């Protein structure tokens, strides 16, 4: 089951995957938030004595921090009063069948002869939803990327820079399948980050998680290493969602959602999105959208207003020992093509059912999320060289991609 989880504040049960941004459902003066969690994610920890070996670690992350913090911003998102009242009216209409006939302006405010009270129902109380998070300036003229879950409900958005300048922001576009959104502020000569090549990052590389979670904490920086790549957490509850996260042990706490994951040179490696936690705050694992995927989506949203996505047009299942035995092959890594959609990119290029995809453009394929990331970062007209096992032979098929 996939569920997109908005990170709010209340009580917590179990170990959890949560999105690392605040969503506050408050009136004018916030006092308390609520928490929503799903997708239990727990690990047992064994303590041991480390061997007395010499580790090569960076002397300092100061240069990377100095490069990255000016480009990471604080985002405040709010539902306007008009939108909140419209939502309340729709909620009343669902609860009260008389509301659709009498509307919000009748004598009883849609509650015909006080029937809500007679049935023991209470009219929903008015409140405006609010959220806070971080973002990254990706162009000197004011484009900012963040997570969609930080502001998915909002129509009033402000961006505060590291130097405390504040701007009203316009939503340029969003993509729910990857949990990314792009904003525009009216600025010039703004600080930006150089993009790294996230495909070349390796497990064990040092990284920094940079956020701007609160007005009174203009920046937070934590260090860690990449512990896995291509993680699929099943947290984006949208058809066709793409999840291929970089997993790190850099601490990411509430309000850091949409912030930057940078390498030890201060280059942008990913957009911090989620944490694994038993408590609601960071407890060991954080997850970022790779910048190679995010960059394609950002460019498309700026140019077209939406993510111009390409598709292979195949149904796949991941290889395993049991599946290999079932179909009579000795390959346990890769993905098996179960079905090829007619007139799709894969169909027209000559990929077939029962092909086992083992690499794309020279990159080994171990699971479905790796294919998602490669295809998701590709553009209309790009050609992918897909290497498959077919009838015991290795075949490479050039696949031109279509929208």
Protein backbone atom coordinates (compact mmCIF):
# COMPACT_ATOMS: atom_id res chain seq x y z
CA UNK A 1 0.00 0.00 0.00
CA UNK A 2 1.26 3.43 -0.85
CA UNK A 3 0.43 6.45 1.28
CA UNK A 4 1.79 9.95 1.00
CA UNK A 5 2.42 11.16 4.53
CA UNK A 6 2.35 14.82 5.53
CA UNK A 7 4.65 15.40 8.49
CA UNK A 8 2.78 17.06 11.33
CA UNK A 9 3.02 16.91 15.16
CA UNK A 10 1.16 14.74 17.78
CA UNK A 11 1.79 11.19 19.19
CA UNK A 12 3.83 8.40 17.58
CA UNK A 13 3.59 4.61 17.49
CA UNK A 14 6.22 2.27 16.06
CA UNK A 15 9.00 2.89 13.56
CA UNK A 16 7.99 5.00 10.61
CA UNK A 17 8.84 6.49 7.24
CA UNK A 18 7.73 10.11 7.26
CA UNK A 19 8.14 13.08 5.00
CA UNK A 20 10.37 15.60 6.73
CA UNK A 21 8.29 18.75 6.47
CA UNK A 22 5.79 20.42 8.75
CA UNK A 23 2.13 20.67 7.80
CA UNK A 24 0.25 22.64 10.42
CA UNK A 25 -3.53 22.73 10.64
CA UNK A 26 -3.87 25.85 12.72
CA UNK A 27 -5.69 29.16 13.07
CA UNK A 28 -3.86 32.48 13.19
CA UNK A 29 -1.59 31.63 16.15
CA UNK A 30 -0.17 28.10 15.82
CA UNK A 31 0.09 26.26 19.12
CA UNK A 32 0.19 22.57 18.30
CA UNK A 33 0.29 20.33 15.27
CA UNK A 34 -0.81 16.79 14.67
CA UNK A 35 1.12 13.81 13.39
CA UNK A 36 0.15 11.33 10.72
CA UNK A 37 2.30 8.29 10.15
CA UNK A 38 2.33 5.06 8.20
CA UNK A 39 4.74 2.48 6.73
CA UNK A 40 6.52 0.98 9.72
CA UNK A 41 10.29 0.97 9.31
CA UNK A 42 12.26 -0.51 12.20
CA UNK A 43 15.76 -1.89 12.66
CA UNK A 44 17.46 -3.73 15.51
CA UNK A 45 20.81 -2.20 16.49
CA UNK A 46 23.78 -4.25 17.63
CA UNK A 47 26.59 -2.41 19.44
CA UNK A 48 30.15 -3.58 18.90
CA UNK A 49 33.67 -2.34 19.38
CA UNK A 50 35.18 -0.91 16.21
CA UNK A 51 38.60 -2.23 15.19
CA UNK A 52 41.53 0.13 15.73
CA UNK A 53 42.04 1.10 12.09
CA UNK A 54 42.75 4.49 10.60
CA UNK A 55 39.83 6.08 8.72
CA UNK A 56 40.28 8.69 6.02
CA UNK A 57 37.73 11.42 6.70
CA UNK A 58 37.53 14.99 5.43
CA UNK A 59 39.38 17.43 7.67
CA UNK A 60 36.47 19.86 7.47
CA UNK A 61 33.15 20.37 5.70
CA UNK A 62 33.42 24.14 6.09
CA UNK A 63 33.94 24.86 2.39
CA UNK A 64 30.98 22.69 1.34
CA UNK A 65 28.82 24.34 4.01
CA UNK A 66 29.81 27.85 2.91
CA UNK A 67 28.93 27.04 -0.70
CA UNK A 68 25.58 25.43 0.01
CA UNK A 69 23.87 27.33 2.83
CA UNK A 70 23.19 30.60 0.92
CA UNK A 71 21.14 28.70 -1.70
CA UNK A 72 18.90 26.88 0.81
CA UNK A 73 15.75 28.79 1.76
CA UNK A 74 12.88 28.64 4.25
CA UNK A 75 9.36 28.12 2.88
CA UNK A 76 6.09 29.03 4.58
CA UNK A 77 2.93 27.77 2.91
CA UNK A 78 -0.62 28.70 3.86
CA UNK A 79 -4.12 27.99 2.68
CA UNK A 80 -5.93 31.30 2.06
CA UNK A 81 -9.03 32.16 4.06
CA UNK A 82 -11.15 31.92 0.91
CA UNK A 83 -9.86 28.43 0.09
CA UNK A 84 -10.31 27.29 3.68
CA UNK A 85 -13.94 28.46 3.76
CA UNK A 86 -14.63 26.73 0.46
CA UNK A 87 -13.16 23.51 1.85
CA UNK A 88 -15.30 23.85 4.99
CA UNK A 89 -18.43 24.33 2.87
CA UNK A 90 -17.65 21.21 0.86
CA UNK A 91 -17.13 19.28 4.08
CA UNK A 92 -20.47 20.49 5.46
CA UNK A 93 -22.17 19.49 2.22
CA UNK A 94 -20.82 15.97 2.52
CA UNK A 95 -22.05 15.76 6.12
CA UNK A 96 -25.45 17.43 5.67
CA UNK A 97 -27.80 16.58 2.76
CA UNK A 98 -29.86 19.78 3.37
CA UNK A 99 -26.79 21.92 2.72
CA UNK A 100 -26.91 21.36 -1.04
CA UNK A 101 -30.44 22.88 -1.15
CA UNK A 102 -30.01 25.83 1.21
CA UNK A 103 -26.29 26.59 0.84
CA UNK A 104 -24.03 28.52 3.23
CA UNK A 105 -26.10 31.73 3.29
CA UNK A 106 -29.52 30.47 4.41
CA UNK A 107 -30.86 31.25 7.89
CA UNK A 108 -29.51 28.03 9.33
CA UNK A 109 -26.14 28.04 7.48
CA UNK A 110 -27.13 24.89 5.68
CA UNK A 111 -28.33 23.17 8.87
CA UNK A 112 -32.08 22.85 8.20
CA UNK A 113 -33.96 23.24 11.55
CA UNK A 114 -30.77 22.38 13.47
CA UNK A 115 -30.67 18.82 12.14
CA UNK A 116 -26.90 18.59 12.66
CA UNK A 117 -27.40 19.08 16.39
CA UNK A 118 -30.33 16.65 16.41
CA UNK A 119 -28.14 13.99 14.78
CA UNK A 120 -25.30 14.70 17.19
CA UNK A 121 -23.08 16.14 14.43
CA UNK A 122 -20.92 19.22 14.84
CA UNK A 123 -20.25 21.59 11.99
CA UNK A 124 -16.56 21.52 11.04
CA UNK A 125 -14.59 24.29 12.69
CA UNK A 126 -12.88 26.82 10.47
CA UNK A 127 -9.10 26.60 10.24
CA UNK A 128 -6.40 27.38 7.69
CA UNK A 129 -3.84 24.73 6.86
CA UNK A 130 -0.21 25.78 7.08
CA UNK A 131 3.15 24.19 6.44
CA UNK A 132 6.84 24.95 6.61
CA UNK A 133 9.83 23.40 4.93
CA UNK A 134 13.03 24.12 3.06
CA UNK A 135 13.85 24.72 -0.58
CA UNK A 136 16.82 25.13 -2.91
CA UNK A 137 17.43 28.03 -5.31
CA UNK A 138 18.23 26.43 -8.68
CA UNK A 139 18.60 29.56 -10.84
CA UNK A 140 19.97 33.02 -10.16
CA UNK A 141 16.73 34.60 -11.42
CA UNK A 142 14.63 33.02 -8.68
CA UNK A 143 13.45 29.48 -9.42
CA UNK A 144 13.22 27.39 -6.24
CA UNK A 145 12.64 23.63 -5.89
CA UNK A 146 11.02 22.00 -2.87
CA UNK A 147 8.82 19.02 -2.00
CA UNK A 148 5.22 19.05 -3.17
CA UNK A 149 3.99 17.78 0.21
CA UNK A 150 5.28 20.97 1.88
CA UNK A 151 2.78 23.14 -0.03
CA UNK A 152 0.27 20.90 -1.80
CA UNK A 153 -2.67 22.57 0.00
CA UNK A 154 -1.37 26.16 -0.17
CA UNK A 155 -2.21 29.16 -2.31
CA UNK A 156 -0.14 31.66 -0.29
CA UNK A 157 3.61 30.92 -0.23
CA UNK A 158 6.55 32.96 1.06
CA UNK A 159 10.26 32.25 0.69
CA UNK A 160 12.86 33.56 3.15
CA UNK A 161 16.48 33.56 2.02
CA UNK A 162 19.49 32.79 4.17
CA UNK A 163 20.13 36.55 4.44
CA UNK A 164 16.57 37.03 5.83
CA UNK A 165 15.10 38.65 2.72
CA UNK A 166 11.51 37.50 2.20
CA UNK A 167 9.65 37.11 -1.12
CA UNK A 168 6.13 36.18 -2.14
CA UNK A 169 6.39 33.05 -4.30
CA UNK A 170 4.40 31.89 -7.31
CA UNK A 171 3.81 28.18 -7.86
CA UNK A 172 5.18 27.39 -11.33
CA UNK A 173 4.17 23.74 -11.28
CA UNK A 174 4.27 20.50 -9.35
CA UNK A 175 4.66 16.79 -9.97
CA UNK A 176 2.89 14.50 -7.53
CA UNK A 177 4.55 11.34 -8.90
CA UNK A 178 7.94 12.47 -7.59
CA UNK A 179 6.84 14.86 -4.79
CA UNK A 180 8.55 17.87 -6.37
CA UNK A 181 7.35 21.44 -6.88
CA UNK A 182 8.93 24.54 -8.44
CA UNK A 183 8.39 28.10 -7.20
CA UNK A 184 9.37 31.48 -8.66
CA UNK A 185 10.43 34.53 -6.67
CA UNK A 186 11.26 37.95 -8.12
CA UNK A 187 14.99 38.22 -7.54
CA UNK A 188 18.25 38.51 -9.42
CA UNK A 189 21.84 37.40 -8.87
CA UNK A 190 20.61 34.91 -6.28
CA UNK A 191 22.99 32.24 -4.93
CA UNK A 192 22.72 28.81 -6.56
CA UNK A 193 24.39 25.42 -6.30
CA UNK A 194 26.37 23.52 -8.90
CA UNK A 195 24.69 20.20 -9.70
CA UNK A 196 26.59 16.98 -9.02
CA UNK A 197 26.15 13.81 -11.09
CA UNK A 198 24.09 11.70 -8.69
CA UNK A 199 24.58 8.62 -10.88
CA UNK A 200 28.28 8.72 -10.02
CA UNK A 201 27.74 8.95 -6.27
CA UNK A 202 28.70 5.81 -4.37
CA UNK A 203 27.68 4.07 -1.19
CA UNK A 204 30.13 5.31 1.43
CA UNK A 205 30.52 8.83 0.00
CA UNK A 206 30.32 11.71 2.47
CA UNK A 207 27.30 14.00 2.17
CA UNK A 208 25.77 16.99 3.95
CA UNK A 209 22.06 17.57 4.58
CA UNK A 210 21.40 21.32 4.46
CA UNK A 211 18.07 22.78 5.55
CA UNK A 212 16.41 26.06 6.54
CA UNK A 213 13.59 24.79 8.77
CA UNK A 214 12.53 27.80 10.85
CA UNK A 215 12.65 31.57 10.69
CA UNK A 216 14.86 31.59 13.78
CA UNK A 217 17.18 28.81 12.50
CA UNK A 218 18.38 30.14 9.17
CA UNK A 219 20.34 27.00 8.38
CA UNK A 220 21.04 23.52 9.67
CA UNK A 221 23.86 21.29 8.44
CA UNK A 222 24.47 17.65 9.28
CA UNK A 223 26.97 15.18 7.86
CA UNK A 224 26.74 11.49 7.02
CA UNK A 225 27.43 8.95 4.33
CA UNK A 226 25.40 7.41 1.54
CA UNK A 227 24.26 4.02 2.80
CA UNK A 228 22.15 2.89 -0.19
CA UNK A 229 20.87 4.02 -3.59
CA UNK A 230 17.71 3.28 -5.54
CA UNK A 231 15.49 2.90 -2.45
CA UNK A 232 11.75 2.47 -3.09
CA UNK A 233 9.78 3.25 0.09
CA UNK A 234 6.22 3.14 -1.33
CA UNK A 235 5.30 6.47 0.29
CA UNK A 236 4.03 8.40 -2.74
CA UNK A 237 0.39 7.43 -3.15
CA UNK A 238 0.05 8.44 -6.79
CA UNK A 239 -0.35 6.27 -9.87
CA UNK A 240 2.93 6.07 -11.76
CA UNK A 241 4.99 7.35 -8.83
CA UNK A 242 8.78 7.29 -9.15
CA UNK A 243 10.78 6.38 -6.05
CA UNK A 244 14.51 5.81 -6.31
CA UNK A 245 15.86 7.56 -3.22
CA UNK A 246 19.42 8.09 -2.06
CA UNK A 247 19.57 6.76 1.52
CA UNK A 248 21.94 8.47 3.96
CA UNK A 249 22.59 8.63 7.69
CA UNK A 250 22.81 12.44 7.67
CA UNK A 251 20.29 13.75 10.20
CA UNK A 252 17.19 15.30 8.62
CA UNK A 253 14.56 16.67 11.00
CA UNK A 254 11.11 18.29 10.63
CA UNK A 255 11.23 21.42 8.49
CA UNK A 256 14.16 20.18 6.39
CA UNK A 257 11.96 18.64 3.71
CA UNK A 258 12.87 20.15 0.34
CA UNK A 259 16.37 21.05 1.49
CA UNK A 260 19.65 20.13 -0.17
CA UNK A 261 21.72 16.98 -0.01
CA UNK A 262 25.21 18.03 -1.13
CA UNK A 263 28.49 16.21 -1.65
CA UNK A 264 31.71 17.08 0.18
CA UNK A 265 32.45 19.71 -2.49
CA UNK A 266 29.14 21.50 -1.86
CA UNK A 267 27.48 20.36 -5.11
CA UNK A 268 23.77 19.52 -5.13
CA UNK A 269 23.29 15.76 -5.03
CA UNK A 270 19.60 15.48 -4.14
CA UNK A 271 16.48 16.98 -2.54
CA UNK A 272 15.86 15.74 1.03
CA UNK A 273 12.36 14.29 1.28
CA UNK A 274 11.75 11.63 3.94
CA UNK A 275 13.10 10.07 7.12
CA UNK A 276 12.83 6.65 8.76
CA UNK A 277 11.93 7.10 12.40
CA UNK A 278 10.38 5.41 15.45
CA UNK A 279 9.78 8.77 17.16
CA UNK A 280 8.74 11.35 14.56
CA UNK A 281 12.21 12.88 14.44
CA UNK A 282 15.41 11.66 12.81
CA UNK A 283 16.57 8.28 14.06
CA UNK A 284 19.07 6.89 11.57
CA UNK A 285 17.98 7.08 7.93
CA UNK A 286 17.04 9.90 5.59
CA UNK A 287 16.10 9.82 1.92
CA UNK A 288 16.68 12.24 -0.96
CA UNK A 289 15.47 12.46 -4.56
CA UNK A 290 18.58 12.17 -6.81
CA UNK A 291 19.37 15.43 -8.58
CA UNK A 292 19.73 13.73 -11.97
CA UNK A 293 16.03 12.83 -11.74
CA UNK A 294 15.01 16.09 -10.08
CA UNK A 295 16.84 18.24 -12.66
CA UNK A 296 14.79 16.82 -15.54
CA UNK A 297 11.55 17.47 -13.69
CA UNK A 298 12.62 21.00 -12.70
CA UNK A 299 13.55 21.85 -16.31
CA UNK A 300 10.25 20.48 -17.63
CA UNK A 301 8.15 22.37 -15.09
CA UNK A 302 9.96 25.63 -15.88
CA UNK A 303 9.64 25.12 -19.65
CA UNK A 304 6.25 23.42 -19.97
CA UNK A 305 4.56 23.89 -16.60
CA UNK A 306 4.46 20.13 -16.00
CA UNK A 307 6.71 17.06 -15.95
CA UNK A 308 6.92 15.88 -19.56
CA UNK A 309 7.37 12.23 -18.79
CA UNK A 310 8.51 9.46 -21.11
CA UNK A 311 7.49 5.80 -20.85
CA UNK A 312 8.98 2.50 -21.91
CA UNK A 313 5.58 0.83 -21.92
CA UNK A 314 6.44 -2.40 -20.15
CA UNK A 315 5.14 -4.35 -17.15
CA UNK A 316 8.01 -5.78 -15.12
CA UNK A 317 8.82 -7.88 -12.08
CA UNK A 318 12.12 -8.05 -10.22
CA UNK A 319 14.24 -11.17 -10.57
CA UNK A 320 14.82 -13.42 -7.57
CA UNK A 321 16.13 -16.93 -6.92
CA UNK A 322 12.62 -18.39 -6.88
CA UNK A 323 11.63 -16.61 -10.10
CA UNK A 324 14.87 -17.71 -11.77
CA UNK A 325 14.12 -21.34 -10.86
CA UNK A 326 10.55 -20.96 -12.06
CA UNK A 327 11.51 -19.72 -15.54
CA UNK A 328 14.65 -21.84 -15.80
CA UNK A 329 17.45 -19.25 -15.86
CA UNK A 330 20.50 -18.71 -13.67
CA UNK A 331 20.09 -14.92 -13.42
CA UNK A 332 18.87 -13.59 -10.07
CA UNK A 333 19.46 -9.87 -10.66
CA UNK A 334 17.64 -7.61 -13.11
CA UNK A 335 13.98 -7.31 -14.10
CA UNK A 336 11.77 -9.59 -16.15
CA UNK A 337 9.47 -8.06 -18.77
CA UNK A 338 6.02 -9.55 -18.21
CA UNK A 339 4.15 -7.57 -20.85
CA UNK A 340 4.89 -5.02 -23.58
CA UNK A 341 2.24 -2.43 -24.38
CA UNK A 342 1.39 -2.15 -28.06
CA UNK A 343 2.68 0.95 -29.87
CA UNK A 344 4.83 1.86 -26.85
CA UNK A 345 8.51 2.84 -27.00
CA UNK A 346 9.54 -0.69 -25.99
CA UNK A 347 7.16 -2.34 -28.48
CA UNK A 348 8.32 -0.25 -31.43
CA UNK A 349 11.98 -0.83 -30.56
CA UNK A 350 11.60 -4.61 -30.35
CA UNK A 351 11.66 -5.46 -26.64
CA UNK A 352 9.70 -8.63 -25.91
CA UNK A 353 7.88 -10.37 -23.08
CA UNK A 354 10.21 -12.67 -21.09
CA UNK A 355 13.24 -10.51 -21.87
CA UNK A 356 15.34 -9.96 -18.73
CA UNK A 357 16.74 -6.43 -18.54
CA UNK A 358 20.25 -6.56 -17.06
CA UNK A 359 21.60 -3.11 -17.97
CA UNK A 360 20.66 0.23 -19.55
CA UNK A 361 23.33 2.40 -21.16
CA UNK A 362 25.98 0.31 -19.44
CA UNK A 363 24.47 0.68 -15.95
CA UNK A 364 23.63 -2.61 -14.24
CA UNK A 365 19.95 -2.99 -13.40
CA UNK A 366 19.14 -4.76 -10.12
CA UNK A 367 15.59 -3.61 -9.43
CA UNK A 368 12.61 -1.73 -10.82
CA UNK A 369 13.41 1.56 -9.08
CA UNK A 370 16.70 1.82 -10.99
CA UNK A 371 14.80 1.60 -14.28
CA UNK A 372 12.33 4.20 -12.99
CA UNK A 373 15.17 6.61 -12.20
CA UNK A 374 16.87 6.20 -15.58
CA UNK A 375 13.69 6.53 -17.62
CA UNK A 376 12.38 9.30 -15.37
CA UNK A 377 15.49 11.40 -15.99
CA UNK A 378 15.32 10.89 -19.78
CA UNK A 379 13.77 13.21 -22.36
CA UNK A 380 11.49 12.72 -25.32
CA UNK A 381 13.68 11.54 -28.20
CA UNK A 382 16.48 10.15 -26.02
CA UNK A 383 17.68 6.68 -27.00
CA UNK A 384 18.30 4.11 -24.28
CA UNK A 385 20.49 1.10 -25.05
CA UNK A 386 18.71 -1.68 -23.19
CA UNK A 387 20.65 -4.93 -22.74
CA UNK A 388 18.52 -8.02 -22.17
CA UNK A 389 18.88 -11.76 -21.85
CA UNK A 390 16.68 -13.41 -24.46
CA UNK A 391 16.65 -17.17 -24.87
CA UNK A 392 20.07 -17.47 -23.25
CA UNK A 393 21.64 -14.81 -25.47
CA UNK A 394 22.64 -11.22 -24.67
CA UNK A 395 20.85 -8.72 -26.91
CA UNK A 396 21.09 -4.92 -26.88
CA UNK A 397 18.07 -2.97 -28.15
CA UNK A 398 18.13 0.77 -28.92
CA UNK A 399 14.89 2.28 -27.58
CA UNK A 400 13.88 5.82 -28.69
CA UNK A 401 11.68 7.28 -25.95
CA UNK A 402 8.22 8.74 -26.49
CA UNK A 403 5.95 10.79 -24.25
